[in-house]
PDB file of all heavy atoms in Angstrom:
ATOM      1  N   GLY A   1      28.629  26.174  91.227  1.00  0.00           N
ATOM      2  CA  GLY A   1      28.681  24.817  90.757  1.00  0.00           C
ATOM      3  C   GLY A   1      28.116  24.779  89.283  1.00  0.00           C
ATOM      4  O   GLY A   1      27.620  25.812  88.837  1.00  0.00           O
ATOM      5  N   GLU A   2      28.106  23.631  88.590  1.00  0.00           N
ATOM      6  CA  GLU A   2      27.672  23.581  87.303  1.00  0.00           C
ATOM      7  C   GLU A   2      26.108  23.824  87.140  1.00  0.00           C
ATOM      8  O   GLU A   2      25.653  24.306  86.123  1.00  0.00           O
ATOM      9  CB  GLU A   2      27.965  22.189  86.709  1.00  0.00           C
ATOM     10  CG  GLU A   2      29.489  21.964  86.500  1.00  0.00           C
ATOM     11  CD  GLU A   2      30.137  23.070  85.883  1.00  0.00           C
ATOM     12  OE1 GLU A   2      29.893  23.362  84.603  1.00  0.00           O
ATOM     13  OE2 GLU A   2      31.027  23.705  86.535  1.00  0.00           O
ATOM     14  N   HIS A   3      25.445  23.634  88.199  1.00  0.00           N
ATOM     15  CA  HIS A   3      24.015  23.878  88.176  1.00  0.00           C
ATOM     16  C   HIS A   3      23.667  25.451  87.847  1.00  0.00           C
ATOM     17  O   HIS A   3      22.649  25.782  87.457  1.00  0.00           O
ATOM     18  CB  HIS A   3      23.255  23.529  89.518  1.00  0.00           C
ATOM     19  CG  HIS A   3      23.299  22.034  89.745  1.00  0.00           C
ATOM     20  ND1 HIS A   3      24.165  21.556  90.774  1.00  0.00           N
ATOM     21  CD2 HIS A   3      22.799  20.827  89.150  1.00  0.00           C
ATOM     22  CE1 HIS A   3      24.172  20.185  90.800  1.00  0.00           C
ATOM     23  NE2 HIS A   3      23.230  19.753  89.769  1.00  0.00           N
ATOM     24  N   GLY A   4      24.652  26.217  88.275  1.00  0.00           N
ATOM     25  CA  GLY A   4      24.619  27.721  88.000  1.00  0.00           C
ATOM     26  C   GLY A   4      24.568  28.057  86.637  1.00  0.00           C
ATOM     27  O   GLY A   4      24.181  29.177  86.286  1.00  0.00           O
ATOM     28  N   GLY A   5      24.769  27.184  85.660  1.00  0.00           N
ATOM     29  CA  GLY A   5      24.794  27.453  84.214  1.00  0.00           C
ATOM     30  C   GLY A   5      23.599  26.723  83.578  1.00  0.00           C
ATOM     31  O   GLY A   5      23.457  26.791  82.327  1.00  0.00           O
ATOM     32  N   ASP A   6      22.806  26.044  84.257  1.00  0.00           N
ATOM     33  CA  ASP A   6      21.580  25.354  83.736  1.00  0.00           C
ATOM     34  C   ASP A   6      20.420  26.255  83.863  1.00  0.00           C
ATOM     35  O   ASP A   6      20.029  26.653  84.897  1.00  0.00           O
ATOM     36  CB  ASP A   6      21.260  24.075  84.494  1.00  0.00           C
ATOM     37  CG  ASP A   6      20.134  23.335  84.101  1.00  0.00           C
ATOM     38  OD1 ASP A   6      19.837  22.973  82.781  1.00  0.00           O
ATOM     39  OD2 ASP A   6      19.210  23.245  84.924  1.00  0.00           O
ATOM     40  N   PRO A   7      19.640  26.596  82.712  1.00  0.00           N
ATOM     41  CA  PRO A   7      18.611  27.455  82.744  1.00  0.00           C
ATOM     42  C   PRO A   7      17.410  27.169  83.791  1.00  0.00           C
ATOM     43  O   PRO A   7      16.995  28.026  84.499  1.00  0.00           O
ATOM     44  CB  PRO A   7      18.022  27.363  81.319  1.00  0.00           C
ATOM     45  CG  PRO A   7      19.163  27.100  80.472  1.00  0.00           C
ATOM     46  CD  PRO A   7      20.003  26.091  81.286  1.00  0.00           C
ATOM     47  N   SER A   8      16.986  25.814  83.867  1.00  0.00           N
ATOM     48  CA  SER A   8      15.933  25.483  84.795  1.00  0.00           C
ATOM     49  C   SER A   8      16.398  25.668  86.236  1.00  0.00           C
ATOM     50  O   SER A   8      15.639  26.015  87.163  1.00  0.00           O
ATOM     51  CB  SER A   8      15.312  24.095  84.497  1.00  0.00           C
ATOM     52  OG  SER A   8      16.279  23.173  84.780  1.00  0.00           O
ATOM     53  N   SER A   9      17.627  25.363  86.451  1.00  0.00           N
ATOM     54  CA  SER A   9      18.144  25.480  87.729  1.00  0.00           C
ATOM     55  C   SER A   9      18.280  26.921  88.239  1.00  0.00           C
ATOM     56  O   SER A   9      18.033  27.331  89.269  1.00  0.00           O
ATOM     57  CB  SER A   9      19.507  24.785  87.823  1.00  0.00           C
ATOM     58  OG  SER A   9      19.627  23.418  87.568  1.00  0.00           O
ATOM     59  N   VAL A  10      18.752  27.755  87.288  1.00  0.00           N
ATOM     60  CA  VAL A  10      18.901  29.290  87.489  1.00  0.00           C
ATOM     61  C   VAL A  10      17.527  29.771  87.808  1.00  0.00           C
ATOM     62  O   VAL A  10      17.340  30.622  88.707  1.00  0.00           O
ATOM     63  CB  VAL A  10      19.503  29.913  86.385  1.00  0.00           C
ATOM     64  CG1 VAL A  10      19.466  31.518  86.527  1.00  0.00           C
ATOM     65  CG2 VAL A  10      20.938  29.586  86.218  1.00  0.00           C
ATOM     66  N   GLU A  11      16.488  29.352  87.118  1.00  0.00           N
ATOM     67  CA  GLU A  11      15.051  29.850  87.385  1.00  0.00           C
ATOM     68  C   GLU A  11      14.649  29.426  88.856  1.00  0.00           C
ATOM     69  O   GLU A  11      14.070  30.298  89.428  1.00  0.00           O
ATOM     70  CB  GLU A  11      14.166  29.266  86.312  1.00  0.00           C
ATOM     71  CG  GLU A  11      12.746  29.700  86.430  1.00  0.00           C
ATOM     72  CD  GLU A  11      11.779  29.093  85.334  1.00  0.00           C
ATOM     73  OE1 GLU A  11      12.333  28.263  84.530  1.00  0.00           O
ATOM     74  OE2 GLU A  11      10.558  29.320  85.467  1.00  0.00           O
ATOM     75  N   PHE A  12      14.899  28.247  89.067  1.00  0.00           N
ATOM     76  CA  PHE A  12      14.569  27.682  90.427  1.00  0.00           C
ATOM     77  C   PHE A  12      15.349  28.591  91.495  1.00  0.00           C
ATOM     78  O   PHE A  12      14.683  29.008  92.553  1.00  0.00           O
ATOM     79  CB  PHE A  12      14.918  26.228  90.565  1.00  0.00           C
ATOM     80  CG  PHE A  12      14.715  25.689  91.994  1.00  0.00           C
ATOM     81  CD1 PHE A  12      13.458  25.392  92.421  1.00  0.00           C
ATOM     82  CD2 PHE A  12      15.722  25.589  92.768  1.00  0.00           C
ATOM     83  CE1 PHE A  12      13.264  24.860  93.773  1.00  0.00           C
ATOM     84  CE2 PHE A  12      15.580  25.101  94.199  1.00  0.00           C
ATOM     85  CZ  PHE A  12      14.355  24.758  94.663  1.00  0.00           C
ATOM     86  N   CYS A  13      16.615  28.897  91.326  1.00  0.00           N
ATOM     87  CA  CYS A  13      17.403  29.596  92.288  1.00  0.00           C
ATOM     88  C   CYS A  13      16.830  31.027  92.484  1.00  0.00           C
ATOM     89  O   CYS A  13      16.710  31.661  93.530  1.00  0.00           O
ATOM     90  CB  CYS A  13      18.782  29.772  91.822  1.00  0.00           C
ATOM     91  SG  CYS A  13      19.627  28.135  91.929  1.00  0.00           S
ATOM     92  N   HIS A  14      16.232  31.638  91.364  1.00  0.00           N
ATOM     93  CA  HIS A  14      15.703  32.832  91.384  1.00  0.00           C
ATOM     94  C   HIS A  14      14.374  32.784  92.233  1.00  0.00           C
ATOM     95  O   HIS A  14      14.098  33.690  93.039  1.00  0.00           O
ATOM     96  CB  HIS A  14      15.393  33.398  90.042  1.00  0.00           C
ATOM     97  CG  HIS A  14      14.609  34.683  89.981  1.00  0.00           C
ATOM     98  ND1 HIS A  14      15.252  35.879  90.187  1.00  0.00           N
ATOM     99  CD2 HIS A  14      13.395  34.986  89.776  1.00  0.00           C
ATOM    100  CE1 HIS A  14      14.240  36.865  90.112  1.00  0.00           C
ATOM    101  NE2 HIS A  14      13.122  36.394  89.856  1.00  0.00           N
ATOM    102  N   LYS A  15      13.593  31.766  91.988  1.00  0.00           N
ATOM    103  CA  LYS A  15      12.320  31.647  92.555  1.00  0.00           C
ATOM    104  C   LYS A  15      12.576  31.471  94.101  1.00  0.00           C
ATOM    105  O   LYS A  15      11.592  31.888  94.974  1.00  0.00           O
ATOM    106  CB  LYS A  15      11.610  30.344  92.061  1.00  0.00           C
ATOM    107  CG  LYS A  15      10.213  30.157  92.559  1.00  0.00           C
ATOM    108  CD  LYS A  15       9.609  28.887  91.992  1.00  0.00           C
ATOM    109  CE  LYS A  15       9.988  27.644  92.689  1.00  0.00           C
ATOM    110  NZ  LYS A  15       9.495  26.394  92.461  1.00  0.00           N
ATOM    111  N   ILE A  16      13.552  30.843  94.653  1.00  0.00           N
ATOM    112  CA  ILE A  16      13.704  30.629  96.018  1.00  0.00           C
ATOM    113  C   ILE A  16      14.455  31.831  96.750  1.00  0.00           C
ATOM    114  O   ILE A  16      14.653  31.716  97.948  1.00  0.00           O
ATOM    115  CB  ILE A  16      14.267  29.175  96.363  1.00  0.00           C
ATOM    116  CG1 ILE A  16      15.657  29.126  95.958  1.00  0.00           C
ATOM    117  CG2 ILE A  16      13.433  28.111  95.873  1.00  0.00           C
ATOM    118  CD1 ILE A  16      16.486  27.877  96.480  1.00  0.00           C
ATOM    119  N   GLY A  17      14.986  32.771  95.914  1.00  0.00           N
ATOM    120  CA  GLY A  17      15.473  33.956  96.595  1.00  0.00           C
ATOM    121  C   GLY A  17      17.080  34.056  96.599  1.00  0.00           C
ATOM    122  O   GLY A  17      17.417  34.802  97.333  1.00  0.00           O
ATOM    123  N   LEU A  18      17.642  33.315  95.764  1.00  0.00           N
ATOM    124  CA  LEU A  18      19.127  33.449  95.563  1.00  0.00           C
ATOM    125  C   LEU A  18      19.520  34.831  95.039  1.00  0.00           C
ATOM    126  O   LEU A  18      18.890  35.294  94.158  1.00  0.00           O
ATOM    127  CB  LEU A  18      19.772  32.287  94.928  1.00  0.00           C
ATOM    128  CG  LEU A  18      20.178  31.148  95.804  1.00  0.00           C
ATOM    129  CD1 LEU A  18      19.008  30.407  96.458  1.00  0.00           C
ATOM    130  CD2 LEU A  18      21.021  30.179  95.074  1.00  0.00           C
ATOM    131  N   ASP A  19      20.604  35.311  95.522  1.00  0.00           N
ATOM    132  CA  ASP A  19      21.140  36.684  95.051  1.00  0.00           C
ATOM    133  C   ASP A  19      21.883  36.546  93.719  1.00  0.00           C
ATOM    134  O   ASP A  19      22.024  37.452  92.992  1.00  0.00           O
ATOM    135  CB  ASP A  19      21.841  37.203  96.163  1.00  0.00           C
ATOM    136  CG  ASP A  19      21.065  37.583  97.359  1.00  0.00           C
ATOM    137  OD1 ASP A  19      19.938  38.223  97.266  1.00  0.00           O
ATOM    138  OD2 ASP A  19      21.423  37.084  98.391  1.00  0.00           O
ATOM    139  N   TYR A  20      22.658  35.453  93.608  1.00  0.00           N
ATOM    140  CA  TYR A  20      23.448  35.269  92.452  1.00  0.00           C
ATOM    141  C   TYR A  20      23.733  33.699  92.118  1.00  0.00           C
ATOM    142  O   TYR A  20      23.486  32.869  93.030  1.00  0.00           O
ATOM    143  CB  TYR A  20      24.945  35.920  92.798  1.00  0.00           C
ATOM    144  CG  TYR A  20      25.657  35.239  93.652  1.00  0.00           C
ATOM    145  CD1 TYR A  20      26.608  34.286  93.468  1.00  0.00           C
ATOM    146  CD2 TYR A  20      25.516  35.613  95.085  1.00  0.00           C
ATOM    147  CE1 TYR A  20      27.351  33.628  94.475  1.00  0.00           C
ATOM    148  CE2 TYR A  20      26.288  35.095  96.064  1.00  0.00           C
ATOM    149  CZ  TYR A  20      27.213  34.009  95.746  1.00  0.00           C
ATOM    150  OH  TYR A  20      27.978  33.398  96.731  1.00  0.00           O
ATOM    151  N   VAL A  21      24.266  33.530  90.955  1.00  0.00           N
ATOM    152  CA  VAL A  21      24.759  32.121  90.645  1.00  0.00           C
ATOM    153  C   VAL A  21      26.101  32.418  90.040  1.00  0.00           C
ATOM    154  O   VAL A  21      26.393  33.447  89.479  1.00  0.00           O
ATOM    155  CB  VAL A  21      23.804  31.410  89.507  1.00  0.00           C
ATOM    156  CG1 VAL A  21      22.405  31.351  90.071  1.00  0.00           C
ATOM    157  CG2 VAL A  21      23.694  32.091  88.135  1.00  0.00           C
ATOM    158  N   SER A  22      26.987  31.223  90.201  1.00  0.00           N
ATOM    159  CA  SER A  22      28.197  31.302  89.631  1.00  0.00           C
ATOM    160  C   SER A  22      28.526  29.918  88.910  1.00  0.00           C
ATOM    161  O   SER A  22      27.829  28.902  89.291  1.00  0.00           O
ATOM    162  CB  SER A  22      29.280  31.550  90.557  1.00  0.00           C
ATOM    163  OG  SER A  22      29.400  30.520  91.485  1.00  0.00           O
ATOM    164  N   CYS A  23      29.210  29.913  87.881  1.00  0.00           N
ATOM    165  CA  CYS A  23      29.378  28.692  87.188  1.00  0.00           C
ATOM    166  C   CYS A  23      30.780  28.796  86.441  1.00  0.00           C
ATOM    167  O   CYS A  23      31.354  29.875  86.396  1.00  0.00           O
ATOM    168  CB  CYS A  23      28.313  28.245  86.264  1.00  0.00           C
ATOM    169  SG  CYS A  23      27.948  29.681  85.019  1.00  0.00           S
ATOM    170  N   SER A  24      31.189  27.742  85.647  1.00  0.00           N
ATOM    171  CA  SER A  24      32.319  27.812  84.784  1.00  0.00           C
ATOM    172  C   SER A  24      32.134  28.806  83.710  1.00  0.00           C
ATOM    173  O   SER A  24      31.045  29.041  83.214  1.00  0.00           O
ATOM    174  CB  SER A  24      32.639  26.365  84.312  1.00  0.00           C
ATOM    175  OG  SER A  24      31.548  25.863  83.694  1.00  0.00           O
ATOM    176  N   PRO A  25      33.172  29.406  83.234  1.00  0.00           N
ATOM    177  CA  PRO A  25      33.100  30.521  82.268  1.00  0.00           C
ATOM    178  C   PRO A  25      32.306  30.297  81.015  1.00  0.00           C
ATOM    179  O   PRO A  25      31.529  31.103  80.558  1.00  0.00           O
ATOM    180  CB  PRO A  25      34.585  30.878  81.887  1.00  0.00           C
ATOM    181  CG  PRO A  25      35.443  30.295  83.054  1.00  0.00           C
ATOM    182  CD  PRO A  25      34.643  29.177  83.644  1.00  0.00           C
ATOM    183  N   PHE A  26      32.350  29.071  80.511  1.00  0.00           N
ATOM    184  CA  PHE A  26      31.677  28.808  79.188  1.00  0.00           C
ATOM    185  C   PHE A  26      30.100  28.803  79.423  1.00  0.00           C
ATOM    186  O   PHE A  26      29.340  28.825  78.488  1.00  0.00           O
ATOM    187  CB  PHE A  26      32.220  27.507  78.542  1.00  0.00           C
ATOM    188  CG  PHE A  26      31.747  26.164  79.048  1.00  0.00           C
ATOM    189  CD1 PHE A  26      30.725  25.574  78.674  1.00  0.00           C
ATOM    190  CD2 PHE A  26      32.394  25.675  80.328  1.00  0.00           C
ATOM    191  CE1 PHE A  26      30.133  24.399  79.231  1.00  0.00           C
ATOM    192  CE2 PHE A  26      32.078  24.515  80.841  1.00  0.00           C
ATOM    193  CZ  PHE A  26      30.983  23.802  80.367  1.00  0.00           C
TER     194      PHE A  26
END
């Protein structure tokens, strides 16, 4: 989702143990 391209959201995802993020190409 679009959250996968937001820096603070990516940082949070890393903190809770997600393996990857995906988002739109840009």
